[in-house]
């Protein structure tokens, strides 16, 4: 009888592992699918229309599931009207949310950027040139579709850049942003607990049946 109980417990454990693998999301939905007026509320004119760096950070964090306000990000970036927000300032802002997201400043090729975006696990803040010979703007790249990098130049929402066009306005530096393991675990805790809890109940019923 004891061996039968041990066998059922072992089978139940395997069932819990399989259920967890099947039901816990391993890849988030594409950020491109998340760009809508609910995720990104209308940008009110508080003098922030030129705060492209903080706005790009705000878009990245909202698409990674961080509950934050634009006012908060504006303050944390120490933005001042007429001044550019540096990548370092934006990275420091992301660091304040390290339990939920991870940011990584790197230099990549256009194809490497595409690879990151196509994984569905990253968005990227890009410093670009907008109608200027110098870097003077920032956008949040969120995906790659039909040969174009999809970026949010909020509040204009999605813009499409071919790789050739992107090379004309961007030199390679990027802040890659993804969800942290802590944030992933917190959001998916119910999917981890439910299969295990169900199996424990199953084991209890079976054991008491003997």
N, C-alpha and C. Protein backbone atom coordinates (compact mmCIF):
# COMPACT_ATOMS: atom_id res chain seq x y z
N UNK A 1 0.83 -1.21 0.00
CA UNK A 1 0.00 0.00 0.00
C UNK A 1 0.87 1.26 0.00
N UNK A 2 1.95 1.22 0.81
CA UNK A 2 2.84 2.37 0.88
C UNK A 2 3.46 2.65 -0.48
N UNK A 3 3.85 1.58 -1.19
CA UNK A 3 4.43 1.77 -2.52
C UNK A 3 3.42 2.38 -3.48
N UNK A 4 2.16 1.98 -3.34
CA UNK A 4 1.13 2.54 -4.20
C UNK A 4 0.96 4.04 -3.94
N UNK A 5 1.01 4.41 -2.65
CA UNK A 5 0.89 5.83 -2.30
C UNK A 5 2.09 6.61 -2.85
N UNK A 6 3.30 6.03 -2.68
CA UNK A 6 4.50 6.69 -3.19
C UNK A 6 4.43 6.85 -4.71
N UNK A 7 3.90 5.83 -5.37
CA UNK A 7 3.76 5.90 -6.83
C UNK A 7 2.81 7.00 -7.25
N UNK A 8 1.70 7.13 -6.53
CA UNK A 8 0.73 8.17 -6.85
C UNK A 8 1.31 9.56 -6.60
N UNK A 9 2.08 9.69 -5.52
CA UNK A 9 2.72 10.98 -5.22
C UNK A 9 3.71 11.34 -6.32
N UNK A 10 4.49 10.33 -6.75
CA UNK A 10 5.47 10.57 -7.82
C UNK A 10 4.77 10.98 -9.11
N UNK A 11 3.70 10.28 -9.45
CA UNK A 11 2.95 10.62 -10.66
C UNK A 11 2.32 12.00 -10.56
N UNK A 12 1.85 12.33 -9.36
CA UNK A 12 1.24 13.64 -9.16
C UNK A 12 2.27 14.75 -9.30
N UNK A 13 3.49 14.48 -8.81
CA UNK A 13 4.56 15.48 -8.94
C UNK A 13 4.89 15.73 -10.40
N UNK A 14 4.98 14.65 -11.17
CA UNK A 14 5.24 14.78 -12.61
C UNK A 14 4.13 15.58 -13.26
N UNK A 15 2.88 15.30 -12.86
CA UNK A 15 1.74 16.02 -13.41
C UNK A 15 1.83 17.51 -13.10
N UNK A 16 2.27 17.85 -11.88
CA UNK A 16 2.41 19.26 -11.49
C UNK A 16 3.45 19.96 -12.35
N UNK A 17 4.57 19.28 -12.59
CA UNK A 17 5.63 19.87 -13.41
C UNK A 17 5.13 20.11 -14.83
N UNK A 18 4.46 19.11 -15.39
CA UNK A 18 3.94 19.23 -16.76
C UNK A 18 2.92 20.35 -16.84
N UNK A 19 2.02 20.42 -15.85
CA UNK A 19 0.99 21.46 -15.85
C UNK A 19 1.60 22.84 -15.76
N UNK A 20 2.65 22.97 -14.95
CA UNK A 20 3.31 24.27 -14.81
C UNK A 20 3.95 24.68 -16.13
N UNK A 21 4.61 23.73 -16.80
CA UNK A 21 5.24 24.03 -18.09
C UNK A 21 4.20 24.45 -19.12
N UNK A 22 3.05 23.77 -19.11
CA UNK A 22 2.02 24.04 -20.11
C UNK A 22 1.31 25.35 -19.88
N UNK A 23 1.09 25.71 -18.62
CA UNK A 23 0.22 26.84 -18.33
C UNK A 23 0.94 28.13 -17.99
N UNK A 24 2.20 28.06 -17.55
CA UNK A 24 2.91 29.30 -17.25
C UNK A 24 3.41 29.92 -18.54
N UNK A 25 3.04 31.17 -18.83
CA UNK A 25 3.51 31.81 -20.06
C UNK A 25 5.02 31.96 -20.04
N UNK A 26 5.68 31.52 -21.11
CA UNK A 26 7.13 31.64 -21.19
C UNK A 26 7.55 32.81 -22.08
N UNK A 27 6.60 33.33 -22.82
CA UNK A 27 6.91 34.45 -23.71
C UNK A 27 5.74 35.42 -23.69
N UNK A 28 6.03 36.68 -23.49
CA UNK A 28 4.98 37.67 -23.42
C UNK A 28 4.43 37.97 -24.81
N UNK A 29 3.22 38.50 -24.85
CA UNK A 29 2.65 38.92 -26.12
C UNK A 29 3.52 40.02 -26.71
N UNK A 30 3.54 40.11 -28.03
CA UNK A 30 4.34 41.13 -28.68
C UNK A 30 3.91 42.51 -28.23
N UNK A 31 4.89 43.39 -27.89
CA UNK A 31 4.53 44.76 -27.51
C UNK A 31 3.74 45.48 -28.59
N UNK A 32 3.92 45.07 -29.86
CA UNK A 32 3.16 45.71 -30.93
C UNK A 32 1.67 45.53 -30.69
N UNK A 33 1.28 44.37 -30.16
CA UNK A 33 -0.13 44.09 -29.90
C UNK A 33 -0.66 44.89 -28.72
N UNK A 34 0.24 45.39 -27.88
CA UNK A 34 -0.17 46.09 -26.67
C UNK A 34 -0.35 47.59 -26.86
N UNK A 35 0.06 48.11 -28.01
CA UNK A 35 -0.01 49.55 -28.21
C UNK A 35 -1.44 49.94 -28.57
N UNK A 36 -2.12 50.52 -27.62
CA UNK A 36 -3.48 50.99 -27.85
C UNK A 36 -3.76 52.12 -26.86
N UNK A 37 -4.90 52.72 -26.99
CA UNK A 37 -5.20 53.89 -26.16
C UNK A 37 -5.40 53.53 -24.70
N UNK A 38 -5.63 52.23 -24.42
CA UNK A 38 -5.77 51.82 -23.02
C UNK A 38 -4.39 51.73 -22.36
N UNK A 39 -3.45 51.10 -23.08
CA UNK A 39 -2.10 50.96 -22.54
C UNK A 39 -1.39 52.31 -22.46
N UNK A 40 -1.57 53.12 -23.48
CA UNK A 40 -0.91 54.42 -23.54
C UNK A 40 -1.97 55.52 -23.56
N UNK A 41 -2.27 56.09 -22.41
CA UNK A 41 -3.31 57.12 -22.36
C UNK A 41 -2.91 58.36 -23.14
N UNK A 42 -3.90 59.16 -23.47
CA UNK A 42 -3.65 60.38 -24.22
C UNK A 42 -2.68 61.29 -23.47
N UNK A 43 -1.71 61.80 -24.20
CA UNK A 43 -0.70 62.68 -23.60
C UNK A 43 -1.27 64.08 -23.49
N UNK A 44 -1.51 64.52 -22.28
CA UNK A 44 -2.02 65.87 -22.08
C UNK A 44 -0.89 66.87 -22.23
N UNK A 45 -1.23 68.06 -22.62
CA UNK A 45 -0.22 69.09 -22.87
C UNK A 45 0.15 69.79 -21.57
N UNK A 46 1.13 69.20 -20.87
CA UNK A 46 1.65 69.82 -19.66
C UNK A 46 3.04 70.41 -19.93
N UNK A 47 3.28 70.76 -21.19
CA UNK A 47 4.61 71.22 -21.55
C UNK A 47 5.56 70.08 -21.80
N UNK A 48 5.02 68.84 -21.89
CA UNK A 48 5.86 67.66 -22.03
C UNK A 48 6.00 67.21 -23.48
N UNK A 49 5.40 67.91 -24.41
CA UNK A 49 5.40 67.45 -25.79
C UNK A 49 6.82 67.26 -26.34
N UNK A 50 7.79 67.97 -25.80
CA UNK A 50 9.17 67.84 -26.28
C UNK A 50 10.02 66.95 -25.38
N UNK A 51 9.40 66.33 -24.39
CA UNK A 51 10.14 65.46 -23.46
C UNK A 51 10.26 64.06 -24.03
N UNK A 52 10.92 63.94 -25.18
CA UNK A 52 10.93 62.67 -25.91
C UNK A 52 11.63 61.56 -25.15
N UNK A 53 12.71 61.87 -24.43
CA UNK A 53 13.42 60.84 -23.68
C UNK A 53 12.57 60.22 -22.58
N UNK A 54 12.04 61.04 -21.65
CA UNK A 54 11.15 60.49 -20.63
C UNK A 54 9.92 59.80 -21.22
N UNK A 55 9.39 60.35 -22.31
CA UNK A 55 8.22 59.73 -22.93
C UNK A 55 8.57 58.34 -23.47
N UNK A 56 9.76 58.20 -24.09
CA UNK A 56 10.19 56.89 -24.58
C UNK A 56 10.35 55.91 -23.42
N UNK A 57 10.87 56.39 -22.29
CA UNK A 57 10.98 55.55 -21.09
C UNK A 57 9.60 55.13 -20.60
N UNK A 58 8.69 56.08 -20.59
CA UNK A 58 7.32 55.82 -20.14
C UNK A 58 6.66 54.74 -21.00
N UNK A 59 6.81 54.87 -22.31
CA UNK A 59 6.24 53.88 -23.23
C UNK A 59 6.84 52.50 -22.96
N UNK A 60 8.17 52.44 -22.82
CA UNK A 60 8.85 51.16 -22.58
C UNK A 60 8.33 50.50 -21.31
N UNK A 61 8.20 51.29 -20.24
CA UNK A 61 7.76 50.72 -18.98
C UNK A 61 6.30 50.28 -19.01
N UNK A 62 5.46 51.07 -19.65
CA UNK A 62 4.05 50.67 -19.73
C UNK A 62 3.90 49.38 -20.53
N UNK A 63 4.68 49.24 -21.61
CA UNK A 63 4.58 48.03 -22.42
C UNK A 63 5.20 46.82 -21.73
N UNK A 64 6.05 47.05 -20.73
CA UNK A 64 6.58 45.96 -19.92
C UNK A 64 5.72 45.69 -18.69
N UNK A 65 4.57 46.37 -18.62
CA UNK A 65 3.62 46.10 -17.55
C UNK A 65 3.83 46.88 -16.28
N UNK A 66 4.70 47.90 -16.30
CA UNK A 66 4.95 48.70 -15.10
C UNK A 66 3.85 49.75 -14.95
N UNK A 67 3.25 49.81 -13.78
CA UNK A 67 2.21 50.80 -13.51
C UNK A 67 2.88 52.10 -13.07
N UNK A 68 3.01 53.03 -13.98
CA UNK A 68 3.68 54.30 -13.67
C UNK A 68 2.98 55.42 -14.42
N UNK A 69 3.25 56.64 -14.00
CA UNK A 69 2.67 57.80 -14.67
C UNK A 69 3.78 58.56 -15.40
N UNK A 70 3.38 59.29 -16.42
CA UNK A 70 4.36 60.09 -17.15
C UNK A 70 4.97 61.15 -16.25
N UNK A 71 4.17 61.74 -15.38
CA UNK A 71 4.69 62.76 -14.46
C UNK A 71 5.83 62.19 -13.61
N UNK A 72 5.66 60.94 -13.15
CA UNK A 72 6.70 60.31 -12.33
C UNK A 72 7.99 60.14 -13.12
N UNK A 73 7.86 59.69 -14.37
CA UNK A 73 9.05 59.46 -15.19
C UNK A 73 9.73 60.78 -15.55
N UNK A 74 8.93 61.80 -15.83
CA UNK A 74 9.48 63.13 -16.11
C UNK A 74 10.35 63.59 -14.94
N UNK A 75 9.84 63.41 -13.73
CA UNK A 75 10.57 63.84 -12.54
C UNK A 75 11.84 63.02 -12.34
N UNK A 76 11.74 61.70 -12.49
CA UNK A 76 12.90 60.84 -12.26
C UNK A 76 13.99 61.07 -13.30
N UNK A 77 13.61 61.42 -14.52
CA UNK A 77 14.60 61.71 -15.56
C UNK A 77 15.24 63.08 -15.40
N UNK A 78 14.71 63.86 -14.45
CA UNK A 78 15.20 65.22 -14.21
C UNK A 78 15.17 66.02 -15.51
N UNK A 79 14.05 65.87 -16.23
CA UNK A 79 13.92 66.53 -17.53
C UNK A 79 13.74 68.03 -17.37
N UNK A 80 14.39 68.77 -18.26
CA UNK A 80 14.22 70.23 -18.31
C UNK A 80 13.93 70.61 -19.75
N UNK A 81 12.93 71.43 -19.92
CA UNK A 81 12.51 71.82 -21.26
C UNK A 81 13.67 72.44 -22.03
N UNK A 82 13.84 71.97 -23.26
CA UNK A 82 14.91 72.48 -24.11
C UNK A 82 16.22 71.74 -23.97
N UNK A 83 16.30 70.78 -23.02
CA UNK A 83 17.53 70.01 -22.83
C UNK A 83 17.29 68.55 -23.20
N UNK A 84 18.31 67.92 -23.80
CA UNK A 84 18.21 66.51 -24.15
C UNK A 84 18.36 65.65 -22.90
N UNK A 85 17.62 64.56 -22.86
CA UNK A 85 17.76 63.58 -21.77
C UNK A 85 18.77 62.53 -22.20
N UNK A 86 19.82 62.34 -21.42
CA UNK A 86 20.87 61.40 -21.79
C UNK A 86 20.43 59.95 -21.57
N UNK A 87 21.11 59.03 -22.27
CA UNK A 87 20.84 57.62 -22.06
C UNK A 87 21.13 57.22 -20.62
N UNK A 88 22.16 57.82 -20.03
CA UNK A 88 22.49 57.51 -18.64
C UNK A 88 21.36 57.90 -17.71
N UNK A 89 20.77 59.07 -17.95
CA UNK A 89 19.65 59.51 -17.12
C UNK A 89 18.46 58.57 -17.27
N UNK A 90 18.22 58.12 -18.50
CA UNK A 90 17.12 57.18 -18.72
C UNK A 90 17.40 55.83 -18.06
N UNK A 91 18.66 55.38 -18.14
CA UNK A 91 19.01 54.12 -17.49
C UNK A 91 18.85 54.22 -15.98
N UNK A 92 19.24 55.36 -15.40
CA UNK A 92 19.07 55.56 -13.96
C UNK A 92 17.58 55.51 -13.58
N UNK A 93 16.74 56.04 -14.46
CA UNK A 93 15.30 56.00 -14.21
C UNK A 93 14.79 54.57 -14.23
N UNK A 94 15.22 53.79 -15.22
CA UNK A 94 14.82 52.39 -15.27
C UNK A 94 15.29 51.63 -14.03
N UNK A 95 16.48 52.00 -13.52
CA UNK A 95 17.04 51.31 -12.36
C UNK A 95 16.15 51.47 -11.13
N UNK A 96 15.38 52.55 -11.07
CA UNK A 96 14.47 52.76 -9.94
C UNK A 96 13.33 51.75 -9.95
N UNK A 97 13.16 51.03 -11.06
CA UNK A 97 12.10 50.04 -11.18
C UNK A 97 12.69 48.64 -11.38
N UNK A 98 13.87 48.40 -10.77
CA UNK A 98 14.62 47.19 -11.05
C UNK A 98 13.91 45.91 -10.64
N UNK A 99 12.93 46.00 -9.73
CA UNK A 99 12.18 44.80 -9.35
C UNK A 99 11.23 44.36 -10.46
N UNK A 100 10.92 45.27 -11.37
CA UNK A 100 9.96 44.96 -12.42
C UNK A 100 10.57 44.87 -13.81
N UNK A 101 11.61 45.66 -14.06
CA UNK A 101 12.23 45.66 -15.39
C UNK A 101 13.75 45.68 -15.28
N UNK A 102 14.39 45.31 -16.38
CA UNK A 102 15.85 45.35 -16.49
C UNK A 102 16.18 46.16 -17.74
N UNK A 103 17.13 47.09 -17.62
CA UNK A 103 17.57 47.85 -18.79
C UNK A 103 19.05 47.60 -19.02
N UNK A 104 19.43 47.58 -20.29
CA UNK A 104 20.82 47.27 -20.64
C UNK A 104 21.28 48.20 -21.76
N UNK A 105 22.25 49.08 -21.47
CA UNK A 105 22.77 49.97 -22.51
C UNK A 105 23.82 49.24 -23.35
N UNK A 106 23.57 49.09 -24.62
CA UNK A 106 24.52 48.42 -25.51
C UNK A 106 24.52 49.11 -26.87
N UNK A 107 25.45 48.71 -27.70
CA UNK A 107 25.48 49.16 -29.09
C UNK A 107 25.25 47.94 -29.97
N UNK A 108 24.30 48.03 -30.87
CA UNK A 108 23.94 46.88 -31.70
C UNK A 108 23.85 47.28 -33.16
N UNK A 109 23.91 46.28 -34.02
CA UNK A 109 23.68 46.50 -35.45
C UNK A 109 22.17 46.49 -35.69
N UNK A 110 21.73 47.00 -36.84
CA UNK A 110 20.29 46.94 -37.14
C UNK A 110 19.74 45.52 -37.06
N UNK A 111 20.48 44.53 -37.56
CA UNK A 111 19.97 43.16 -37.53
C UNK A 111 19.89 42.63 -36.10
N UNK A 112 20.86 42.99 -35.27
CA UNK A 112 20.81 42.57 -33.87
C UNK A 112 19.61 43.19 -33.17
N UNK A 113 19.32 44.45 -33.49
CA UNK A 113 18.14 45.10 -32.93
C UNK A 113 16.88 44.34 -33.34
N UNK A 114 16.81 43.98 -34.62
CA UNK A 114 15.66 43.22 -35.12
C UNK A 114 15.51 41.90 -34.36
N UNK A 115 16.63 41.21 -34.13
CA UNK A 115 16.58 39.93 -33.42
C UNK A 115 16.00 40.10 -32.01
N UNK A 116 16.44 41.14 -31.32
CA UNK A 116 15.91 41.40 -29.98
C UNK A 116 14.41 41.68 -30.03
N UNK A 117 14.01 42.52 -30.96
CA UNK A 117 12.60 42.91 -31.04
C UNK A 117 11.72 41.73 -31.44
N UNK A 118 12.21 40.90 -32.35
CA UNK A 118 11.40 39.77 -32.81
C UNK A 118 11.21 38.72 -31.72
N UNK A 119 12.07 38.72 -30.71
CA UNK A 119 11.91 37.75 -29.62
C UNK A 119 10.63 38.02 -28.82
N UNK A 120 10.13 39.26 -28.89
CA UNK A 120 8.94 39.62 -28.14
C UNK A 120 9.19 39.90 -26.67
N UNK A 121 10.46 39.80 -26.25
CA UNK A 121 10.79 39.99 -24.84
C UNK A 121 11.41 41.35 -24.53
N UNK A 122 11.67 42.13 -25.57
CA UNK A 122 12.36 43.40 -25.39
C UNK A 122 11.65 44.53 -26.12
N UNK A 123 11.79 45.72 -25.56
CA UNK A 123 11.58 46.95 -26.31
C UNK A 123 12.88 47.72 -26.20
N UNK A 124 13.05 48.75 -27.01
CA UNK A 124 14.35 49.43 -27.05
C UNK A 124 14.17 50.93 -27.20
N UNK A 125 14.84 51.68 -26.35
CA UNK A 125 14.85 53.14 -26.47
C UNK A 125 16.02 53.52 -27.38
N UNK A 126 15.70 54.22 -28.47
CA UNK A 126 16.71 54.58 -29.46
C UNK A 126 16.90 56.09 -29.52
N UNK A 127 18.13 56.58 -29.37
CA UNK A 127 18.40 58.00 -29.63
C UNK A 127 18.58 58.20 -31.13
N UNK A 128 17.80 59.08 -31.72
CA UNK A 128 17.83 59.24 -33.17
C UNK A 128 17.94 60.72 -33.56
N UNK A 129 18.14 60.93 -34.86
CA UNK A 129 18.11 62.29 -35.41
C UNK A 129 16.75 62.52 -36.06
N UNK A 130 16.11 63.59 -35.68
CA UNK A 130 14.80 63.91 -36.25
C UNK A 130 14.88 65.29 -36.90
N UNK A 131 14.91 65.25 -38.23
CA UNK A 131 15.05 66.48 -39.01
C UNK A 131 16.24 67.31 -38.54
N UNK A 132 17.34 66.61 -38.26
CA UNK A 132 18.55 67.28 -37.77
C UNK A 132 19.76 66.43 -38.10
N UNK A 133 20.93 67.07 -38.13
CA UNK A 133 22.16 66.33 -38.35
C UNK A 133 22.74 65.77 -37.07
N UNK A 134 22.17 66.16 -35.93
CA UNK A 134 22.63 65.69 -34.63
C UNK A 134 21.52 64.90 -33.93
N UNK A 135 21.94 64.02 -33.01
CA UNK A 135 20.95 63.28 -32.22
C UNK A 135 20.16 64.27 -31.37
N UNK A 136 18.85 64.26 -31.55
CA UNK A 136 18.01 65.24 -30.85
C UNK A 136 16.65 64.68 -30.45
N UNK A 137 16.51 63.34 -30.52
CA UNK A 137 15.19 62.77 -30.28
C UNK A 137 15.35 61.34 -29.77
N UNK A 138 14.29 60.80 -29.18
CA UNK A 138 14.29 59.41 -28.73
C UNK A 138 12.93 58.79 -29.01
N UNK A 139 12.96 57.52 -29.43
CA UNK A 139 11.73 56.77 -29.66
C UNK A 139 11.87 55.42 -28.98
N UNK A 140 10.75 54.72 -28.84
CA UNK A 140 10.76 53.38 -28.26
C UNK A 140 10.42 52.37 -29.35
N UNK A 141 11.41 51.58 -29.75
CA UNK A 141 11.20 50.53 -30.75
C UNK A 141 10.55 49.33 -30.07
N UNK A 142 9.48 48.81 -30.67
CA UNK A 142 8.70 47.77 -29.99
C UNK A 142 8.55 46.48 -30.79
N UNK A 143 8.94 46.48 -32.06
CA UNK A 143 8.76 45.26 -32.84
C UNK A 143 9.29 45.41 -34.25
N UNK A 144 9.14 44.33 -35.01
CA UNK A 144 9.61 44.31 -36.40
C UNK A 144 8.58 43.57 -37.24
N UNK A 145 8.06 44.24 -38.25
CA UNK A 145 7.03 43.65 -39.09
C UNK A 145 7.24 44.05 -40.55
N UNK A 146 7.19 43.06 -41.42
CA UNK A 146 7.23 43.29 -42.86
C UNK A 146 8.38 44.20 -43.28
N UNK A 147 9.56 43.95 -42.72
CA UNK A 147 10.75 44.69 -43.11
C UNK A 147 10.90 46.04 -42.47
N UNK A 148 10.05 46.35 -41.50
CA UNK A 148 10.11 47.66 -40.83
C UNK A 148 10.23 47.51 -39.32
N UNK A 149 11.06 48.35 -38.73
CA UNK A 149 11.10 48.46 -37.28
C UNK A 149 9.91 49.32 -36.86
N UNK A 150 9.11 48.80 -35.93
CA UNK A 150 7.95 49.53 -35.44
C UNK A 150 8.36 50.28 -34.18
N UNK A 151 8.16 51.58 -34.17
CA UNK A 151 8.55 52.39 -33.02
C UNK A 151 7.38 53.28 -32.61
N UNK A 152 7.36 53.60 -31.33
CA UNK A 152 6.35 54.52 -30.81
C UNK A 152 7.02 55.87 -30.60
N UNK A 153 6.55 56.85 -31.36
CA UNK A 153 7.00 58.23 -31.21
C UNK A 153 5.83 58.98 -30.59
N UNK A 154 5.57 58.64 -29.35
CA UNK A 154 4.38 59.10 -28.63
C UNK A 154 4.34 60.63 -28.58
N UNK A 155 3.19 61.27 -28.79
CA UNK A 155 1.85 60.68 -28.87
C UNK A 155 1.39 60.33 -30.28
N UNK A 156 2.30 60.32 -31.26
CA UNK A 156 1.90 59.99 -32.63
C UNK A 156 1.67 58.50 -32.80
N UNK A 157 1.97 57.72 -31.76
CA UNK A 157 1.87 56.27 -31.78
C UNK A 157 2.81 55.67 -32.82
N UNK A 158 2.42 54.58 -33.47
CA UNK A 158 3.42 53.80 -34.19
C UNK A 158 3.94 54.48 -35.45
N UNK A 159 5.26 54.35 -35.62
CA UNK A 159 5.95 54.78 -36.83
C UNK A 159 6.68 53.57 -37.38
N UNK A 160 6.87 53.53 -38.69
CA UNK A 160 7.58 52.43 -39.32
C UNK A 160 8.86 52.95 -39.97
N UNK A 161 9.97 52.25 -39.68
CA UNK A 161 11.26 52.62 -40.24
C UNK A 161 11.86 51.41 -40.95
N UNK A 162 12.14 51.55 -42.24
CA UNK A 162 12.91 50.50 -42.91
C UNK A 162 14.31 50.50 -42.31
N UNK A 163 15.05 49.41 -42.49
CA UNK A 163 16.39 49.36 -41.92
C UNK A 163 17.29 50.42 -42.54
N UNK A 164 17.10 50.70 -43.83
CA UNK A 164 17.90 51.76 -44.47
C UNK A 164 17.59 53.11 -43.84
N UNK A 165 16.31 53.39 -43.64
CA UNK A 165 15.92 54.65 -43.02
C UNK A 165 16.45 54.74 -41.60
N UNK A 166 16.37 53.61 -40.88
CA UNK A 166 16.85 53.61 -39.50
C UNK A 166 18.34 53.90 -39.44
N UNK A 167 19.09 53.34 -40.37
CA UNK A 167 20.54 53.57 -40.39
C UNK A 167 20.86 55.04 -40.65
N UNK A 168 19.98 55.74 -41.33
CA UNK A 168 20.20 57.16 -41.61
C UNK A 168 20.03 58.03 -40.38
N UNK A 169 19.22 57.56 -39.42
CA UNK A 169 18.89 58.43 -38.28
C UNK A 169 19.38 57.89 -36.94
N UNK A 170 19.97 56.69 -36.94
CA UNK A 170 20.38 56.04 -35.69
C UNK A 170 21.75 55.41 -35.86
N UNK A 171 22.61 55.56 -34.84
CA UNK A 171 24.00 55.12 -34.95
C UNK A 171 24.33 53.84 -34.19
N UNK A 172 23.36 53.23 -33.51
CA UNK A 172 23.62 51.95 -32.86
C UNK A 172 23.43 51.88 -31.36
N UNK A 173 23.58 52.99 -30.59
CA UNK A 173 23.37 52.87 -29.14
C UNK A 173 21.89 52.64 -28.83
N UNK A 174 21.64 51.86 -27.79
CA UNK A 174 20.26 51.50 -27.47
C UNK A 174 20.16 51.14 -25.99
N UNK A 175 19.01 51.39 -25.43
CA UNK A 175 18.69 50.88 -24.09
C UNK A 175 17.67 49.77 -24.27
N UNK A 176 18.12 48.52 -24.10
CA UNK A 176 17.19 47.39 -24.18
C UNK A 176 16.46 47.26 -22.85
N UNK A 177 15.16 47.07 -22.92
CA UNK A 177 14.35 46.97 -21.71
C UNK A 177 13.54 45.68 -21.75
N UNK A 178 13.59 44.93 -20.66
CA UNK A 178 12.83 43.68 -20.57
C UNK A 178 12.29 43.54 -19.15
N UNK A 179 11.38 42.61 -18.98
CA UNK A 179 10.85 42.35 -17.65
C UNK A 179 11.88 41.62 -16.81
N UNK A 180 11.95 41.94 -15.53
CA UNK A 180 12.88 41.24 -14.63
C UNK A 180 12.29 39.89 -14.25
N UNK A 181 13.15 38.99 -13.75
CA UNK A 181 12.66 37.69 -13.29
C UNK A 181 11.70 37.86 -12.12
N UNK A 182 12.00 38.85 -11.27
CA UNK A 182 11.11 39.12 -10.13
C UNK A 182 9.73 39.52 -10.63
N UNK A 183 9.71 40.43 -11.63
CA UNK A 183 8.44 40.86 -12.19
C UNK A 183 7.70 39.73 -12.87
N UNK A 184 8.45 38.88 -13.60
CA UNK A 184 7.84 37.74 -14.27
C UNK A 184 7.22 36.80 -13.24
N UNK A 185 7.97 36.52 -12.17
CA UNK A 185 7.48 35.59 -11.15
C UNK A 185 6.22 36.13 -10.48
N UNK A 186 6.23 37.43 -10.15
CA UNK A 186 5.08 38.04 -9.49
C UNK A 186 3.84 37.97 -10.37
N UNK A 187 4.00 38.28 -11.66
CA UNK A 187 2.84 38.30 -12.56
C UNK A 187 2.31 36.90 -12.84
N UNK A 188 3.20 35.89 -12.76
CA UNK A 188 2.78 34.53 -13.11
C UNK A 188 2.63 33.62 -11.89
N UNK A 189 2.61 34.23 -10.69
CA UNK A 189 2.54 33.44 -9.48
C UNK A 189 1.33 32.52 -9.46
N UNK A 190 0.19 33.03 -9.92
CA UNK A 190 -1.03 32.21 -9.89
C UNK A 190 -0.88 30.97 -10.79
N UNK A 191 -0.15 31.13 -11.92
CA UNK A 191 0.02 29.99 -12.81
C UNK A 191 0.98 28.96 -12.22
N UNK A 192 1.86 29.41 -11.33
CA UNK A 192 2.76 28.48 -10.66
C UNK A 192 2.05 27.76 -9.51
N UNK A 193 1.20 28.50 -8.80
CA UNK A 193 0.57 27.96 -7.60
C UNK A 193 -0.58 27.02 -7.93
N UNK A 194 -1.42 27.39 -8.89
CA UNK A 194 -2.64 26.62 -9.15
C UNK A 194 -2.38 25.15 -9.50
N UNK A 195 -1.45 24.85 -10.44
CA UNK A 195 -1.22 23.42 -10.73
C UNK A 195 -0.70 22.66 -9.52
N UNK A 196 0.22 23.28 -8.77
CA UNK A 196 0.79 22.60 -7.61
C UNK A 196 -0.27 22.40 -6.53
N UNK A 197 -1.09 23.42 -6.30
CA UNK A 197 -2.15 23.31 -5.31
C UNK A 197 -3.15 22.22 -5.69
N UNK A 198 -3.48 22.15 -6.97
CA UNK A 198 -4.42 21.13 -7.44
C UNK A 198 -3.88 19.73 -7.20
N UNK A 199 -2.58 19.56 -7.47
CA UNK A 199 -1.97 18.25 -7.28
C UNK A 199 -1.91 17.88 -5.80
N UNK A 200 -1.62 18.86 -4.93
CA UNK A 200 -1.59 18.59 -3.50
C UNK A 200 -2.96 18.15 -2.99
N UNK A 201 -4.01 18.80 -3.50
CA UNK A 201 -5.37 18.39 -3.13
C UNK A 201 -5.64 16.97 -3.60
N UNK A 202 -5.19 16.68 -4.83
CA UNK A 202 -5.37 15.33 -5.39
C UNK A 202 -4.66 14.29 -4.53
N UNK A 203 -3.43 14.61 -4.11
CA UNK A 203 -2.66 13.68 -3.28
C UNK A 203 -3.37 13.44 -1.95
N UNK A 204 -3.86 14.53 -1.34
CA UNK A 204 -4.54 14.42 -0.04
C UNK A 204 -5.76 13.52 -0.14
N UNK A 205 -6.54 13.70 -1.20
CA UNK A 205 -7.74 12.89 -1.39
C UNK A 205 -7.38 11.42 -1.56
N UNK A 206 -6.34 11.16 -2.37
CA UNK A 206 -5.95 9.78 -2.63
C UNK A 206 -5.41 9.10 -1.38
N UNK A 207 -4.56 9.84 -0.63
CA UNK A 207 -3.97 9.27 0.57
C UNK A 207 -5.05 8.96 1.60
N UNK A 208 -5.98 9.87 1.78
CA UNK A 208 -7.06 9.65 2.74
C UNK A 208 -7.97 8.51 2.30
N UNK A 209 -7.97 8.26 0.99
CA UNK A 209 -8.79 7.16 0.50
C UNK A 209 -8.29 5.81 0.96
N UNK A 210 -7.02 5.76 1.37
CA UNK A 210 -6.47 4.52 1.90
C UNK A 210 -6.63 4.47 3.41
